[in-house]
Amino acid sequence: MKVSFETVLFRYPGKGGWTFATVPPQFAPPFRFSFGRTPVKAELNGREWETSVWTEKSGKILLPIPKKIRGSLGDGDSVHISIEYVFRFNPDSGDKLYES
């Protein structure tokens, strides 16, 4: 499942806080693994990377955006992102699969 959306970047508070994009609820992952994470292939400004989205305790779905991908973009900047959910399940890894 591949989806595209507009969102605003935000920096998690605190020293060394990461920069994230929030995935809109209508594009919630169809499955999740331990710790609420779901592997994705993501694209921002033509740059692709593999990572995971995860669901925060508040219910927000977060996508981490590394500096090498976002360049000079940061907190408060609007961006267009595409993500594709990737199903990679290895029962020998101790991972558990959950329905979203």
N, C-alpha and C. Protein backbone atom coordinates (compact mmCIF):
# COMPACT_ATOMS: atom_id res chain seq x y z
N MET A 1 0.85 -1.18 0.00
CA MET A 1 0.00 0.00 0.00
C MET A 1 0.90 1.24 0.00
N LYS A 2 0.76 2.09 -1.02
CA LYS A 2 1.54 3.32 -1.11
C LYS A 2 0.60 4.50 -0.99
N VAL A 3 0.99 5.49 -0.17
CA VAL A 3 0.16 6.68 0.04
C VAL A 3 1.04 7.92 -0.03
N SER A 4 0.44 9.04 -0.39
CA SER A 4 1.13 10.34 -0.44
C SER A 4 0.27 11.35 0.30
N PHE A 5 0.95 12.31 0.95
CA PHE A 5 0.22 13.31 1.73
C PHE A 5 1.10 14.52 2.00
N GLU A 6 0.43 15.61 2.34
CA GLU A 6 1.10 16.84 2.76
C GLU A 6 1.09 16.86 4.29
N THR A 7 2.18 17.29 4.88
CA THR A 7 2.26 17.38 6.33
C THR A 7 3.29 18.44 6.72
N VAL A 8 3.37 18.72 7.99
CA VAL A 8 4.31 19.73 8.51
C VAL A 8 5.32 19.02 9.40
N LEU A 9 6.60 19.30 9.18
CA LEU A 9 7.65 18.72 10.00
C LEU A 9 7.63 19.33 11.40
N PHE A 10 8.00 18.52 12.39
CA PHE A 10 8.17 19.07 13.74
C PHE A 10 9.37 18.40 14.39
N ARG A 11 10.01 19.16 15.26
CA ARG A 11 11.17 18.65 15.99
C ARG A 11 10.72 18.24 17.37
N TYR A 12 11.07 17.02 17.74
CA TYR A 12 10.72 16.53 19.08
C TYR A 12 11.51 17.34 20.09
N PRO A 13 10.88 17.81 21.16
CA PRO A 13 11.58 18.67 22.12
C PRO A 13 12.73 17.96 22.83
N GLY A 14 13.68 18.76 23.26
CA GLY A 14 14.81 18.24 24.02
C GLY A 14 16.08 18.21 23.21
N LYS A 15 17.19 18.11 23.93
CA LYS A 15 18.50 18.06 23.29
C LYS A 15 18.59 16.82 22.40
N GLY A 16 19.02 17.02 21.18
CA GLY A 16 19.15 15.91 20.24
C GLY A 16 17.83 15.39 19.71
N GLY A 17 16.76 16.20 19.86
CA GLY A 17 15.44 15.77 19.39
C GLY A 17 15.41 15.55 17.89
N TRP A 18 14.77 14.50 17.47
CA TRP A 18 14.65 14.17 16.06
C TRP A 18 13.58 15.02 15.40
N THR A 19 13.61 15.05 14.07
CA THR A 19 12.57 15.72 13.28
C THR A 19 11.66 14.64 12.70
N PHE A 20 10.35 14.89 12.80
CA PHE A 20 9.35 13.92 12.37
C PHE A 20 8.31 14.56 11.46
N ALA A 21 7.62 13.70 10.73
CA ALA A 21 6.40 14.06 10.03
C ALA A 21 5.30 13.21 10.66
N THR A 22 4.11 13.77 10.77
CA THR A 22 2.96 13.02 11.27
C THR A 22 2.20 12.45 10.08
N VAL A 23 1.95 11.15 10.11
CA VAL A 23 1.17 10.50 9.06
C VAL A 23 -0.31 10.71 9.38
N PRO A 24 -1.10 11.23 8.43
CA PRO A 24 -2.53 11.45 8.70
C PRO A 24 -3.24 10.14 9.08
N PRO A 25 -4.22 10.22 9.98
CA PRO A 25 -4.90 9.01 10.47
C PRO A 25 -5.52 8.16 9.36
N GLN A 26 -5.98 8.79 8.28
CA GLN A 26 -6.59 8.01 7.20
C GLN A 26 -5.58 7.13 6.47
N PHE A 27 -4.28 7.38 6.71
CA PHE A 27 -3.23 6.56 6.10
C PHE A 27 -2.52 5.70 7.14
N ALA A 28 -3.22 5.38 8.22
CA ALA A 28 -2.65 4.53 9.28
C ALA A 28 -2.19 3.20 8.69
N PRO A 29 -1.11 2.66 9.21
CA PRO A 29 -0.62 1.38 8.67
C PRO A 29 -1.64 0.26 8.87
N PRO A 30 -1.73 -0.64 7.88
CA PRO A 30 -2.69 -1.74 7.97
C PRO A 30 -2.26 -2.84 8.95
N PHE A 31 -1.00 -2.80 9.38
CA PHE A 31 -0.47 -3.76 10.34
C PHE A 31 0.65 -3.07 11.11
N ARG A 32 1.04 -3.67 12.23
CA ARG A 32 2.16 -3.14 13.00
C ARG A 32 2.85 -4.28 13.71
N PHE A 33 4.10 -4.03 14.05
CA PHE A 33 4.90 -5.00 14.77
C PHE A 33 5.10 -4.52 16.21
N SER A 34 5.97 -5.21 16.92
CA SER A 34 6.28 -4.84 18.31
C SER A 34 6.58 -3.35 18.42
N PHE A 35 6.22 -2.77 19.53
CA PHE A 35 6.42 -1.35 19.82
C PHE A 35 5.64 -0.44 18.88
N GLY A 36 4.65 -0.99 18.18
CA GLY A 36 3.80 -0.19 17.31
C GLY A 36 4.46 0.26 16.02
N ARG A 37 5.56 -0.36 15.64
CA ARG A 37 6.28 0.09 14.45
C ARG A 37 5.86 -0.69 13.21
N THR A 38 5.96 -0.02 12.05
CA THR A 38 5.65 -0.63 10.76
C THR A 38 6.72 -0.20 9.77
N PRO A 39 7.44 -1.14 9.13
CA PRO A 39 8.45 -0.78 8.15
C PRO A 39 7.83 -0.06 6.94
N VAL A 40 8.56 0.94 6.43
CA VAL A 40 8.12 1.68 5.24
C VAL A 40 9.30 2.02 4.35
N LYS A 41 8.98 2.24 3.07
CA LYS A 41 9.88 2.92 2.14
C LYS A 41 9.29 4.31 2.02
N ALA A 42 10.09 5.33 2.26
CA ALA A 42 9.59 6.70 2.26
C ALA A 42 10.30 7.53 1.21
N GLU A 43 9.63 8.61 0.77
CA GLU A 43 10.23 9.53 -0.20
C GLU A 43 9.85 10.96 0.16
N LEU A 44 10.86 11.82 0.15
CA LEU A 44 10.69 13.26 0.39
C LEU A 44 11.60 13.99 -0.59
N ASN A 45 11.03 14.85 -1.42
CA ASN A 45 11.80 15.62 -2.39
C ASN A 45 12.70 14.75 -3.27
N GLY A 46 12.18 13.61 -3.71
CA GLY A 46 12.93 12.73 -4.60
C GLY A 46 13.97 11.88 -3.90
N ARG A 47 14.10 12.02 -2.60
CA ARG A 47 15.06 11.21 -1.84
C ARG A 47 14.31 10.09 -1.13
N GLU A 48 14.78 8.87 -1.33
CA GLU A 48 14.13 7.71 -0.74
C GLU A 48 14.98 7.12 0.38
N TRP A 49 14.31 6.54 1.35
CA TRP A 49 14.99 5.83 2.43
C TRP A 49 14.05 4.81 3.04
N GLU A 50 14.62 3.84 3.76
CA GLU A 50 13.82 2.84 4.46
C GLU A 50 13.90 3.12 5.95
N THR A 51 12.77 3.04 6.62
CA THR A 51 12.67 3.32 8.04
C THR A 51 11.42 2.64 8.56
N SER A 52 10.94 3.05 9.70
CA SER A 52 9.67 2.55 10.23
C SER A 52 8.86 3.73 10.74
N VAL A 53 7.56 3.63 10.62
CA VAL A 53 6.66 4.56 11.31
C VAL A 53 6.22 3.84 12.58
N TRP A 54 5.82 4.61 13.58
CA TRP A 54 5.28 4.00 14.78
C TRP A 54 4.22 4.88 15.38
N THR A 55 3.39 4.25 16.17
CA THR A 55 2.29 4.95 16.81
C THR A 55 2.69 5.36 18.21
N GLU A 56 2.64 6.66 18.45
CA GLU A 56 2.97 7.23 19.75
C GLU A 56 1.83 6.94 20.73
N LYS A 57 2.08 7.06 22.02
CA LYS A 57 1.04 6.83 23.02
C LYS A 57 -0.19 7.70 22.79
N SER A 58 0.02 8.90 22.25
CA SER A 58 -1.10 9.82 21.99
C SER A 58 -1.94 9.38 20.79
N GLY A 59 -1.43 8.40 20.02
CA GLY A 59 -2.15 7.93 18.84
C GLY A 59 -1.60 8.48 17.54
N LYS A 60 -0.69 9.47 17.61
CA LYS A 60 -0.08 10.01 16.38
C LYS A 60 0.84 8.97 15.76
N ILE A 61 0.84 8.93 14.42
CA ILE A 61 1.72 8.03 13.69
C ILE A 61 2.91 8.87 13.21
N LEU A 62 4.11 8.50 13.65
CA LEU A 62 5.29 9.31 13.40
C LEU A 62 6.23 8.67 12.38
N LEU A 63 6.76 9.52 11.49
CA LEU A 63 7.76 9.13 10.51
C LEU A 63 9.01 9.96 10.77
N PRO A 64 10.13 9.33 11.18
CA PRO A 64 11.36 10.09 11.41
C PRO A 64 11.96 10.53 10.07
N ILE A 65 12.42 11.78 10.03
CA ILE A 65 13.01 12.34 8.81
C ILE A 65 14.48 12.68 9.09
N PRO A 66 15.43 11.87 8.62
CA PRO A 66 16.84 12.14 8.89
C PRO A 66 17.32 13.43 8.21
N LYS A 67 18.31 14.05 8.81
CA LYS A 67 18.90 15.29 8.28
C LYS A 67 19.38 15.08 6.84
N LYS A 68 20.00 13.93 6.55
CA LYS A 68 20.53 13.69 5.20
C LYS A 68 19.42 13.63 4.15
N ILE A 69 18.19 13.38 4.57
CA ILE A 69 17.04 13.35 3.65
C ILE A 69 16.39 14.73 3.56
N ARG A 70 16.17 15.38 4.68
CA ARG A 70 15.43 16.65 4.68
C ARG A 70 16.28 17.87 4.35
N GLY A 71 17.61 17.75 4.42
CA GLY A 71 18.48 18.88 4.11
C GLY A 71 18.22 20.05 5.02
N SER A 72 17.87 21.21 4.44
CA SER A 72 17.65 22.42 5.24
C SER A 72 16.22 22.52 5.78
N LEU A 73 15.36 21.58 5.42
CA LEU A 73 13.99 21.61 5.93
C LEU A 73 13.99 21.27 7.42
N GLY A 74 13.04 21.86 8.14
CA GLY A 74 12.98 21.59 9.57
C GLY A 74 11.64 21.94 10.17
N ASP A 75 11.64 22.17 11.45
CA ASP A 75 10.44 22.43 12.24
C ASP A 75 9.55 23.48 11.59
N GLY A 76 8.29 23.10 11.32
CA GLY A 76 7.31 24.03 10.77
C GLY A 76 7.23 24.06 9.26
N ASP A 77 8.14 23.37 8.56
CA ASP A 77 8.11 23.36 7.10
C ASP A 77 7.08 22.35 6.58
N SER A 78 6.33 22.77 5.56
CA SER A 78 5.36 21.89 4.90
C SER A 78 6.08 21.04 3.87
N VAL A 79 5.73 19.76 3.80
CA VAL A 79 6.38 18.84 2.87
C VAL A 79 5.36 17.89 2.26
N HIS A 80 5.74 17.32 1.12
CA HIS A 80 4.95 16.26 0.48
C HIS A 80 5.74 14.97 0.65
N ILE A 81 5.10 13.96 1.22
CA ILE A 81 5.77 12.70 1.52
C ILE A 81 4.97 11.55 0.91
N SER A 82 5.70 10.55 0.42
CA SER A 82 5.09 9.29 -0.01
C SER A 82 5.67 8.18 0.85
N ILE A 83 4.81 7.27 1.29
CA ILE A 83 5.30 6.10 2.02
C ILE A 83 4.63 4.85 1.46
N GLU A 84 5.38 3.77 1.48
CA GLU A 84 4.86 2.47 1.09
C GLU A 84 5.09 1.52 2.25
N TYR A 85 4.02 0.93 2.75
CA TYR A 85 4.15 -0.02 3.86
C TYR A 85 4.77 -1.30 3.35
N VAL A 86 5.76 -1.80 4.08
CA VAL A 86 6.53 -2.97 3.67
C VAL A 86 6.31 -4.07 4.70
N PHE A 87 5.82 -5.21 4.25
CA PHE A 87 5.57 -6.32 5.16
C PHE A 87 6.78 -7.24 5.16
N ARG A 88 7.58 -7.15 6.21
CA ARG A 88 8.73 -8.04 6.39
C ARG A 88 8.60 -8.66 7.77
N PHE A 89 8.16 -9.89 7.82
CA PHE A 89 7.93 -10.53 9.11
C PHE A 89 8.82 -11.76 9.23
N ASN A 90 9.62 -11.78 10.27
CA ASN A 90 10.49 -12.91 10.55
C ASN A 90 10.15 -13.42 11.95
N PRO A 91 9.38 -14.49 12.06
CA PRO A 91 8.98 -14.97 13.38
C PRO A 91 10.16 -15.37 14.25
N ASP A 92 11.30 -15.71 13.64
CA ASP A 92 12.48 -16.09 14.41
C ASP A 92 13.15 -14.90 15.08
N SER A 93 12.78 -13.68 14.69
CA SER A 93 13.40 -12.48 15.27
C SER A 93 12.78 -12.11 16.61
N GLY A 94 11.69 -12.77 16.97
CA GLY A 94 10.99 -12.40 18.21
C GLY A 94 9.95 -11.33 17.98
N ASP A 95 9.84 -10.86 16.73
CA ASP A 95 8.84 -9.85 16.41
C ASP A 95 7.44 -10.43 16.55
N LYS A 96 6.51 -9.58 16.90
CA LYS A 96 5.11 -9.98 16.98
C LYS A 96 4.32 -9.09 16.03
N LEU A 97 3.35 -9.66 15.36
CA LEU A 97 2.52 -8.94 14.40
C LEU A 97 1.17 -8.64 15.03
N TYR A 98 0.70 -7.40 14.85
CA TYR A 98 -0.58 -6.96 15.39
C TYR A 98 -1.41 -6.34 14.28
N GLU A 99 -2.72 -6.49 14.35
CA GLU A 99 -3.60 -5.77 13.43
C GLU A 99 -3.76 -4.35 13.93
N SER A 100 -3.81 -3.41 13.01
CA SER A 100 -4.00 -2.00 13.41
C SER A 100 -5.45 -1.70 13.59
